[in-house]
Amino acid sequence: GSGGALALGVGDHLHMLENSTYSVISPEGAASILWKDTAQAKKAAESMKITARDLKELEIIDEVIPEVLGGAHRNVMDQAREIDRILAQSLEKLSSLDKDELLDMRYLKYRKIGKYNFLGSVFTYQ
């Protein structure tokens, strides 16, 4: 999490480890801004939707990479092999597309971000 998250988010395919988070601000920072109370960090994190599962449901990321038993830090080599396998599949899919297809997919992907459905109406932030 930080402004660096923005730089990492501009790929054709985005993947996250299942127990990771992705945000441009920490939950504590958001809570401090929104409620002037860092103790509200849990509430902020839940509303920010920063987990891999949340971001997959919102179609912001493309794939959640399963973590090895006990978490990625428990067996770095096995986890690295799983990441390598997912990235190789992703690269294979993207390599089969021509430039115009890639640009069209990228445009549509980022146009969808920020849309939400409220009582049957779709709103878009631009």
Protein backbone atom coordinates (compact mmCIF):
# COMPACT_ATOMS: atom_id res chain seq x y z
CA GLY A 1 0.00 0.00 0.00
CA SER A 2 1.04 3.53 -0.89
CA GLY A 3 1.29 5.66 -3.98
CA GLY A 4 3.48 2.89 -5.41
CA ALA A 5 0.33 0.79 -5.64
CA LEU A 6 -0.81 3.07 -8.45
CA ALA A 7 2.33 2.31 -10.45
CA LEU A 8 1.85 -1.45 -9.97
CA GLY A 9 -1.80 -1.28 -10.99
CA VAL A 10 -1.35 -0.34 -14.63
CA GLY A 11 -0.80 -3.79 -16.10
CA ASP A 12 -2.85 -5.81 -18.53
CA HIS A 13 -3.22 -8.56 -15.94
CA LEU A 14 -3.09 -7.96 -12.21
CA HIS A 15 -2.54 -10.82 -9.78
CA MET A 16 -2.48 -10.86 -5.98
CA LEU A 17 -1.47 -13.42 -3.43
CA GLU A 18 -4.58 -14.51 -1.57
CA ASN A 19 -3.52 -13.00 1.76
CA SER A 20 -2.20 -9.72 0.40
CA THR A 21 -3.74 -6.27 0.36
CA TYR A 22 -3.63 -3.51 -2.24
CA SER A 23 -4.32 0.12 -1.50
CA VAL A 24 -2.92 3.57 -2.13
CA ILE A 25 -3.30 4.45 1.55
CA SER A 26 -3.10 2.39 4.71
CA PRO A 27 -6.30 1.72 6.64
CA GLU A 28 -4.82 3.75 9.51
CA GLY A 29 -4.18 6.68 7.17
CA ALA A 30 -7.69 6.48 5.72
CA ALA A 31 -9.23 6.27 9.20
CA SER A 32 -7.22 9.28 10.28
CA ILE A 33 -8.50 11.29 7.32
CA LEU A 34 -12.11 10.11 7.42
CA TRP A 35 -12.77 9.89 11.15
CA LYS A 36 -9.73 11.60 12.73
CA ASP A 37 -9.22 8.32 14.58
CA THR A 38 -6.68 5.66 13.62
CA ALA A 39 -8.54 3.24 15.91
CA GLN A 40 -11.11 3.06 13.09
CA ALA A 41 -8.55 1.29 10.84
CA LYS A 42 -10.54 -1.95 10.72
CA LYS A 43 -13.68 -0.10 9.62
CA ALA A 44 -11.63 1.77 7.01
CA ALA A 45 -10.03 -1.44 5.69
CA GLU A 46 -13.42 -3.10 5.31
CA SER A 47 -14.90 -0.14 3.45
CA MET A 48 -11.82 0.24 1.24
CA LYS A 49 -12.12 -3.32 -0.11
CA ILE A 50 -8.37 -3.96 -0.16
CA THR A 51 -8.21 -7.76 0.01
CA ALA A 52 -7.48 -9.99 -2.95
CA ARG A 53 -10.96 -11.53 -2.69
CA ASP A 54 -12.63 -8.09 -2.65
CA LEU A 55 -10.64 -6.82 -5.61
CA LYS A 56 -11.34 -9.97 -7.61
CA GLU A 57 -15.09 -9.55 -6.99
CA LEU A 58 -14.82 -5.91 -8.09
CA GLU A 59 -12.97 -7.07 -11.24
CA ILE A 60 -10.00 -4.86 -10.46
CA ILE A 61 -7.58 -7.77 -10.36
CA ASP A 62 -7.59 -10.71 -12.73
CA GLU A 63 -6.50 -13.56 -10.54
CA VAL A 64 -5.90 -14.49 -6.92
CA ILE A 65 -2.76 -16.58 -6.53
CA PRO A 66 -3.28 -19.31 -3.92
CA GLU A 67 -0.74 -19.27 -1.11
CA VAL A 68 1.09 -22.32 0.16
CA LEU A 69 -0.12 -23.89 3.41
CA GLY A 70 0.48 -21.46 6.26
CA GLY A 71 1.11 -18.45 4.01
CA ALA A 72 3.61 -17.42 1.35
CA HIS A 73 6.34 -16.74 3.91
CA ARG A 74 6.30 -20.37 5.11
CA ASN A 75 7.72 -21.83 1.90
CA VAL A 76 9.13 -19.13 -0.32
CA MET A 77 10.42 -21.49 -3.02
CA ASP A 78 7.11 -23.31 -3.50
CA GLN A 79 5.29 -19.99 -3.48
CA ALA A 80 7.70 -18.59 -6.07
CA ARG A 81 7.01 -21.60 -8.31
CA GLU A 82 3.26 -21.00 -8.05
CA ILE A 83 3.71 -17.31 -8.86
CA ASP A 84 5.92 -18.25 -11.82
CA ARG A 85 3.27 -20.69 -13.10
CA ILE A 86 0.50 -18.07 -12.93
CA LEU A 87 2.65 -15.38 -14.55
CA ALA A 88 3.67 -17.75 -17.35
CA GLN A 89 0.00 -18.53 -18.07
CA SER A 90 -0.83 -14.84 -18.06
CA LEU A 91 2.05 -13.99 -20.38
CA GLU A 92 1.03 -16.78 -22.75
CA LYS A 93 -2.53 -15.41 -22.96
CA LEU A 94 -1.36 -11.84 -23.49
CA SER A 95 1.28 -12.83 -26.05
CA SER A 96 -1.41 -14.34 -28.27
CA LEU A 97 -3.12 -10.95 -28.64
CA ASP A 98 -2.19 -8.24 -31.10
CA LYS A 99 -1.56 -4.62 -30.09
CA ASP A 100 -5.08 -3.43 -30.88
CA GLU A 101 -6.66 -6.25 -28.86
CA LEU A 102 -4.41 -5.46 -25.90
CA LEU A 103 -5.24 -1.76 -26.07
CA ASP A 104 -8.98 -2.43 -26.35
CA MET A 105 -8.93 -4.85 -23.41
CA ARG A 106 -6.90 -2.44 -21.30
CA TYR A 107 -9.26 0.45 -22.10
CA LEU A 108 -12.36 -1.57 -21.20
CA LYS A 109 -10.76 -2.91 -18.04
CA TYR A 110 -9.98 0.51 -16.65
CA ARG A 111 -13.30 2.01 -17.74
CA LYS A 112 -15.07 -0.56 -15.54
CA ILE A 113 -13.17 0.48 -12.43
CA GLY A 114 -15.25 2.92 -10.43
CA LYS A 115 -18.62 1.67 -11.60
CA TYR A 116 -21.04 0.44 -9.02
CA ASN A 117 -24.63 -0.57 -8.91
CA PHE A 118 -26.95 1.26 -6.54
CA LEU A 119 -30.58 0.14 -6.49
CA GLY A 120 -30.46 -1.04 -10.09
CA SER A 121 -28.69 2.02 -11.50
CA VAL A 122 -25.07 1.97 -12.61
CA PHE A 123 -22.99 5.00 -11.71
CA THR A 124 -19.53 5.77 -13.06
CA TYR A 125 -16.89 8.02 -11.56
CA GLN A 126 -14.83 9.82 -14.18
